[in-house]
Amino acid sequence: MKGLYQDLPKIFLQTGDCFIGVQPTMVTTVLGSCLGVTMHVPKMGIGTICHAFLPDSSDCRASLVPEPQICRFVDTALQNMLETMDKIGVPRRELVIKMFGGSSGMAVRNVENTTYDIGRRNIAMARKLLKFARLDIQVEDVGGQRGRKLLFNTQTGEVWVKKLREPL
C-alpha cells in the first residue's frame, strides 16, 4: 500500500456515514456487526461506500424526529447510494458492488441465528434489497466472528480487507 496510493486524500468513515468519491480517495473503516457496501463505476472512476449499523430503518420510523444519519441503516444507506448514482447518471448495470462485515462475534457471545445477531440481519437486508434492485454482489467477505478493517480506493474500486485478531 505504501508508495502507490500515499498521495491520495484519506478519510475515515464513521459508523452511520456514507461517502462518495468523485475524486480519487482512500476510505478506511472498521466493521464488526456493521455492514460496509461499496459501489464502483469503473468507466468513471467513481466509488461510494457506506458503514451501516442496523438493518431496517422502519424500526425507528415511529419516532417523530427524523433520523439525522440516513446511512445508519442498511435499507436507507443502499437507497441513498443508488439514488446518488442515479442522479449523476450512472447506469445501474455498470455498478460493481462489494459487501463486507456483518460479523456476529461482538461483545455478546452466542447470538448467532437469534434476533440479536445484527450482523446476520444486516447481511440479509442488503442481499434482499440488492436482489430486489436486480443488482449482483460481485465480491463479499461477510459473517464470521471477527471484525474487519477496510481500505477502499474510490477510483479503482479496490478493497483491501484485514481481519482483526480478536472480535470487537
C-alpha atoms as a PDB file:
ATOM      1  CA  MET A   1       0.000   0.000   0.000  1.00  0.00           C
ATOM      2  CA  LYS A   2       2.747   2.461   0.763  1.00  0.00           C
ATOM      3  CA  GLY A   3       4.036   4.407  -2.159  1.00  0.00           C
ATOM      4  CA  LEU A   4       1.402   3.591  -4.747  1.00  0.00           C
ATOM      5  CA  TYR A   5      -1.540   5.340  -3.062  1.00  0.00           C
ATOM      6  CA  GLN A   6       0.156   7.543  -0.480  1.00  0.00           C
ATOM      7  CA  ASP A   7      -0.744  10.746  -2.338  1.00  0.00           C
ATOM      8  CA  LEU A   8      -4.496  10.061  -2.279  1.00  0.00           C
ATOM      9  CA  PRO A   9      -6.621  12.019   0.182  1.00  0.00           C
ATOM     10  CA  LYS A  10      -7.618   9.773   3.079  1.00  0.00           C
ATOM     11  CA  ILE A  11     -10.772   9.721   5.145  1.00  0.00           C
ATOM     12  CA  PHE A  12     -12.031   7.534   7.978  1.00  0.00           C
ATOM     13  CA  LEU A  13     -15.672   6.529   7.543  1.00  0.00           C
ATOM     14  CA  GLN A  14     -17.569   6.656  10.826  1.00  0.00           C
ATOM     15  CA  THR A  15     -20.475   4.404  11.768  1.00  0.00           C
ATOM     16  CA  GLY A  16     -23.664   5.583  10.101  1.00  0.00           C
ATOM     17  CA  ASP A  17     -21.922   7.514   7.319  1.00  0.00           C
ATOM     18  CA  CYS A  18     -21.701   7.229   3.538  1.00  0.00           C
ATOM     19  CA  PHE A  19     -19.044   8.688   1.278  1.00  0.00           C
ATOM     20  CA  ILE A  20     -18.963   9.223  -2.469  1.00  0.00           C
ATOM     21  CA  GLY A  21     -15.593   9.796  -4.070  1.00  0.00           C
ATOM     22  CA  VAL A  22     -15.789  11.634  -7.375  1.00  0.00           C
ATOM     23  CA  GLN A  23     -12.080  12.380  -6.899  1.00  0.00           C
ATOM     24  CA  PRO A  24      -9.699   9.512  -6.048  1.00  0.00           C
ATOM     25  CA  THR A  25      -9.827   8.948  -2.288  1.00  0.00           C
ATOM     26  CA  MET A  26      -8.704   6.212   0.098  1.00  0.00           C
ATOM     27  CA  VAL A  27     -11.503   5.428   2.560  1.00  0.00           C
ATOM     28  CA  THR A  28     -10.782   3.463   5.727  1.00  0.00           C
ATOM     29  CA  THR A  29     -13.277   1.999   8.159  1.00  0.00           C
ATOM     30  CA  VAL A  30     -13.523  -0.751  10.759  1.00  0.00           C
ATOM     31  CA  LEU A  31     -16.516  -3.086  10.754  1.00  0.00           C
ATOM     32  CA  GLY A  32     -17.854  -5.523  13.317  1.00  0.00           C
ATOM     33  CA  SER A  33     -21.548  -6.359  13.007  1.00  0.00           C
ATOM     34  CA  CYS A  34     -21.877  -3.245  10.841  1.00  0.00           C
ATOM     35  CA  LEU A  35     -22.023  -3.669   7.084  1.00  0.00           C
ATOM     36  CA  GLY A  36     -19.846  -1.929   4.534  1.00  0.00           C
ATOM     37  CA  VAL A  37     -21.113  -1.878   0.950  1.00  0.00           C
ATOM     38  CA  THR A  38     -19.104  -0.367  -1.892  1.00  0.00           C
ATOM     39  CA  MET A  39     -20.347   0.596  -5.331  1.00  0.00           C
ATOM     40  CA  HIS A  40     -17.826   1.415  -8.012  1.00  0.00           C
ATOM     41  CA  VAL A  41     -18.196   2.660 -11.585  1.00  0.00           C
ATOM     42  CA  PRO A  42     -15.043   1.534 -13.458  1.00  0.00           C
ATOM     43  CA  LYS A  43     -15.674   3.715 -16.547  1.00  0.00           C
ATOM     44  CA  MET A  44     -15.966   6.866 -14.432  1.00  0.00           C
ATOM     45  CA  GLY A  45     -13.558   6.118 -11.571  1.00  0.00           C
ATOM     46  CA  ILE A  46     -16.249   6.941  -9.023  1.00  0.00           C
ATOM     47  CA  GLY A  47     -16.925   4.966  -5.875  1.00  0.00           C
ATOM     48  CA  THR A  48     -19.240   5.134  -2.894  1.00  0.00           C
ATOM     49  CA  ILE A  49     -19.220   3.306   0.431  1.00  0.00           C
ATOM     50  CA  CYS A  50     -21.496   3.050   3.459  1.00  0.00           C
ATOM     51  CA  HIS A  51     -20.932   1.937   7.052  1.00  0.00           C
ATOM     52  CA  ALA A  52     -24.422   0.830   8.096  1.00  0.00           C
ATOM     53  CA  PHE A  53     -25.125  -0.031  11.717  1.00  0.00           C
ATOM     54  CA  LEU A  54     -28.647  -1.526  11.740  1.00  0.00           C
ATOM     55  CA  PRO A  55     -30.650  -3.391   9.095  1.00  0.00           C
ATOM     56  CA  ASP A  56     -34.032  -1.670   8.959  1.00  0.00           C
ATOM     57  CA  SER A  57     -34.978   1.991   9.375  1.00  0.00           C
ATOM     58  CA  SER A  58     -38.653   1.111   9.884  1.00  0.00           C
ATOM     59  CA  ASP A  59     -37.756   0.063  13.430  1.00  0.00           C
ATOM     60  CA  CYS A  60     -37.154   3.758  14.200  1.00  0.00           C
ATOM     61  CA  ARG A  61     -39.734   5.439  11.983  1.00  0.00           C
ATOM     62  CA  ALA A  62     -42.305   5.534  14.780  1.00  0.00           C
ATOM     63  CA  SER A  63     -40.442   8.440  16.344  1.00  0.00           C
ATOM     64  CA  LEU A  64     -41.455  11.916  15.231  1.00  0.00           C
ATOM     65  CA  VAL A  65     -37.835  13.026  14.968  1.00  0.00           C
ATOM     66  CA  PRO A  66     -36.269  12.429  11.523  1.00  0.00           C
ATOM     67  CA  GLU A  67     -33.155  10.230  11.500  1.00  0.00           C
ATOM     68  CA  PRO A  68     -30.117  12.522  11.134  1.00  0.00           C
ATOM     69  CA  GLN A  69     -27.896   9.737   9.786  1.00  0.00           C
ATOM     70  CA  ILE A  70     -29.577   8.227   6.732  1.00  0.00           C
ATOM     71  CA  CYS A  71     -26.691   5.774   6.307  1.00  0.00           C
ATOM     72  CA  ARG A  72     -27.103   4.363   9.815  1.00  0.00           C
ATOM     73  CA  PHE A  73     -29.467   1.725   8.368  1.00  0.00           C
ATOM     74  CA  VAL A  74     -28.713  -0.771   5.589  1.00  0.00           C
ATOM     75  CA  ASP A  75     -32.009  -0.094   3.804  1.00  0.00           C
ATOM     76  CA  THR A  76     -31.717   3.710   3.693  1.00  0.00           C
ATOM     77  CA  ALA A  77     -27.949   3.646   3.072  1.00  0.00           C
ATOM     78  CA  LEU A  78     -28.344   1.472  -0.032  1.00  0.00           C
ATOM     79  CA  GLN A  79     -31.302   3.534  -1.218  1.00  0.00           C
ATOM     80  CA  ASN A  80     -29.285   6.741  -0.758  1.00  0.00           C
ATOM     81  CA  MET A  81     -26.250   5.317  -2.572  1.00  0.00           C
ATOM     82  CA  LEU A  82     -28.335   4.082  -5.523  1.00  0.00           C
ATOM     83  CA  GLU A  83     -30.259   7.364  -5.776  1.00  0.00           C
ATOM     84  CA  THR A  84     -26.973   9.297  -5.744  1.00  0.00           C
ATOM     85  CA  MET A  85     -25.606   7.154  -8.579  1.00  0.00           C
ATOM     86  CA  ASP A  86     -28.884   7.657 -10.482  1.00  0.00           C
ATOM     87  CA  LYS A  87     -28.610  11.446 -10.044  1.00  0.00           C
ATOM     88  CA  ILE A  88     -25.125  11.569 -11.532  1.00  0.00           C
ATOM     89  CA  GLY A  89     -26.234   9.444 -14.473  1.00  0.00           C
ATOM     90  CA  VAL A  90     -24.658   6.068 -13.685  1.00  0.00           C
ATOM     91  CA  PRO A  91     -26.475   3.149 -15.317  1.00  0.00           C
ATOM     92  CA  ARG A  92     -27.057   0.538 -12.617  1.00  0.00           C
ATOM     93  CA  ARG A  93     -25.685  -2.199 -14.874  1.00  0.00           C
ATOM     94  CA  GLU A  94     -22.262  -0.513 -14.592  1.00  0.00           C
ATOM     95  CA  LEU A  95     -22.099  -0.749 -10.785  1.00  0.00           C
ATOM     96  CA  VAL A  96     -19.594  -3.145  -9.255  1.00  0.00           C
ATOM     97  CA  ILE A  97     -20.929  -3.981  -5.799  1.00  0.00           C
ATOM     98  CA  LYS A  98     -18.934  -5.436  -2.907  1.00  0.00           C
ATOM     99  CA  MET A  99     -20.058  -6.204   0.648  1.00  0.00           C
ATOM    100  CA  PHE A 100     -18.088  -6.642   3.874  1.00  0.00           C
ATOM    101  CA  GLY A 101     -18.618  -7.067   7.614  1.00  0.00           C
ATOM    102  CA  GLY A 102     -21.703  -8.337   9.379  1.00  0.00           C
ATOM    103  CA  SER A 103     -19.830 -10.453  11.896  1.00  0.00           C
ATOM    104  CA  SER A 104     -21.592 -11.894  14.922  1.00  0.00           C
ATOM    105  CA  GLY A 105     -18.680 -12.288  17.331  1.00  0.00           C
ATOM    106  CA  MET A 106     -19.095  -8.919  19.001  1.00  0.00           C
ATOM    107  CA  ALA A 107     -19.395  -8.130  22.685  1.00  0.00           C
ATOM    108  CA  VAL A 108     -22.283 -10.559  23.210  1.00  0.00           C
ATOM    109  CA  ARG A 109     -21.484 -14.231  22.719  1.00  0.00           C
ATOM    110  CA  ASN A 110     -23.840 -16.932  21.415  1.00  0.00           C
ATOM    111  CA  VAL A 111     -26.024 -14.586  19.392  1.00  0.00           C
ATOM    112  CA  GLU A 112     -25.680 -16.389  16.074  1.00  0.00           C
ATOM    113  CA  ASN A 113     -29.036 -17.134  14.446  1.00  0.00           C
ATOM    114  CA  THR A 114     -31.005 -15.104  17.001  1.00  0.00           C
ATOM    115  CA  THR A 115     -32.747 -11.745  16.607  1.00  0.00           C
ATOM    116  CA  TYR A 116     -29.746 -10.229  18.387  1.00  0.00           C
ATOM    117  CA  ASP A 117     -27.438 -11.295  15.557  1.00  0.00           C
ATOM    118  CA  ILE A 118     -27.370  -7.830  14.000  1.00  0.00           C
ATOM    119  CA  GLY A 119     -24.561  -8.824  11.611  1.00  0.00           C
ATOM    120  CA  ARG A 120     -26.632 -11.611  10.048  1.00  0.00           C
ATOM    121  CA  ARG A 121     -29.657  -9.308   9.814  1.00  0.00           C
ATOM    122  CA  ASN A 122     -27.571  -6.570   8.144  1.00  0.00           C
ATOM    123  CA  ILE A 123     -26.291  -9.045   5.541  1.00  0.00           C
ATOM    124  CA  ALA A 124     -29.798 -10.410   4.891  1.00  0.00           C
ATOM    125  CA  MET A 125     -31.235  -6.908   4.412  1.00  0.00           C
ATOM    126  CA  ALA A 126     -28.523  -5.913   1.926  1.00  0.00           C
ATOM    127  CA  ARG A 127     -28.924  -9.124  -0.076  1.00  0.00           C
ATOM    128  CA  LYS A 128     -32.718  -8.700  -0.141  1.00  0.00           C
ATOM    129  CA  LEU A 129     -32.598  -5.075  -1.304  1.00  0.00           C
ATOM    130  CA  LEU A 130     -29.895  -5.616  -3.909  1.00  0.00           C
ATOM    131  CA  LYS A 131     -31.753  -8.658  -5.279  1.00  0.00           C
ATOM    132  CA  PHE A 132     -34.945  -6.576  -5.458  1.00  0.00           C
ATOM    133  CA  ALA A 133     -32.978  -3.935  -7.403  1.00  0.00           C
ATOM    134  CA  ARG A 134     -31.661  -6.738  -9.685  1.00  0.00           C
ATOM    135  CA  LEU A 135     -28.071  -5.985  -8.683  1.00  0.00           C
ATOM    136  CA  ASP A 136     -25.462  -8.671  -8.099  1.00  0.00           C
ATOM    137  CA  ILE A 137     -22.852  -8.594  -5.354  1.00  0.00           C
ATOM    138  CA  GLN A 138     -19.571  -9.337  -7.145  1.00  0.00           C
ATOM    139  CA  VAL A 139     -17.386  -9.743  -4.040  1.00  0.00           C
ATOM    140  CA  GLU A 140     -18.256 -10.345  -0.416  1.00  0.00           C
ATOM    141  CA  ASP A 141     -16.473 -11.127   2.822  1.00  0.00           C
ATOM    142  CA  VAL A 142     -19.210 -11.277   5.440  1.00  0.00           C
ATOM    143  CA  GLY A 143     -20.210 -13.041   8.627  1.00  0.00           C
ATOM    144  CA  GLY A 144     -17.967 -14.942  10.950  1.00  0.00           C
ATOM    145  CA  GLN A 145     -16.884 -13.755  14.366  1.00  0.00           C
ATOM    146  CA  ARG A 146     -14.067 -11.340  13.562  1.00  0.00           C
ATOM    147  CA  GLY A 147     -14.195  -7.686  12.694  1.00  0.00           C
ATOM    148  CA  ARG A 148     -12.584  -6.287   9.569  1.00  0.00           C
ATOM    149  CA  LYS A 149     -10.558  -3.235   8.688  1.00  0.00           C
ATOM    150  CA  LEU A 150     -11.251  -1.994   5.144  1.00  0.00           C
ATOM    151  CA  LEU A 151      -9.370   0.246   2.766  1.00  0.00           C
ATOM    152  CA  PHE A 152     -11.399   1.310  -0.296  1.00  0.00           C
ATOM    153  CA  ASN A 153      -9.950   3.142  -3.279  1.00  0.00           C
ATOM    154  CA  THR A 154     -12.844   5.105  -4.774  1.00  0.00           C
ATOM    155  CA  GLN A 155     -11.112   5.488  -8.141  1.00  0.00           C
ATOM    156  CA  THR A 156     -10.182   1.844  -8.801  1.00  0.00           C
ATOM    157  CA  GLY A 157     -12.802   0.089  -6.669  1.00  0.00           C
ATOM    158  CA  GLU A 158     -10.105  -1.973  -4.980  1.00  0.00           C
ATOM    159  CA  VAL A 159     -10.876  -3.060  -1.422  1.00  0.00           C
ATOM    160  CA  TRP A 160      -8.272  -4.411   0.955  1.00  0.00           C
ATOM    161  CA  VAL A 161      -9.579  -6.369   3.946  1.00  0.00           C
ATOM    162  CA  LYS A 162      -7.703  -7.203   7.122  1.00  0.00           C
ATOM    163  CA  LYS A 163      -9.476  -9.480   9.577  1.00  0.00           C
ATOM    164  CA  LEU A 164      -8.946  -8.449  13.168  1.00  0.00           C
ATOM    165  CA  ARG A 165      -7.425 -10.986  15.550  1.00  0.00           C
ATOM    166  CA  GLU A 166      -9.982 -10.550  18.297  1.00  0.00           C
ATOM    167  CA  PRO A 167     -13.721  -9.961  17.990  1.00  0.00           C
ATOM    168  CA  LEU A 168     -14.699  -6.318  18.530  1.00  0.00           C
END
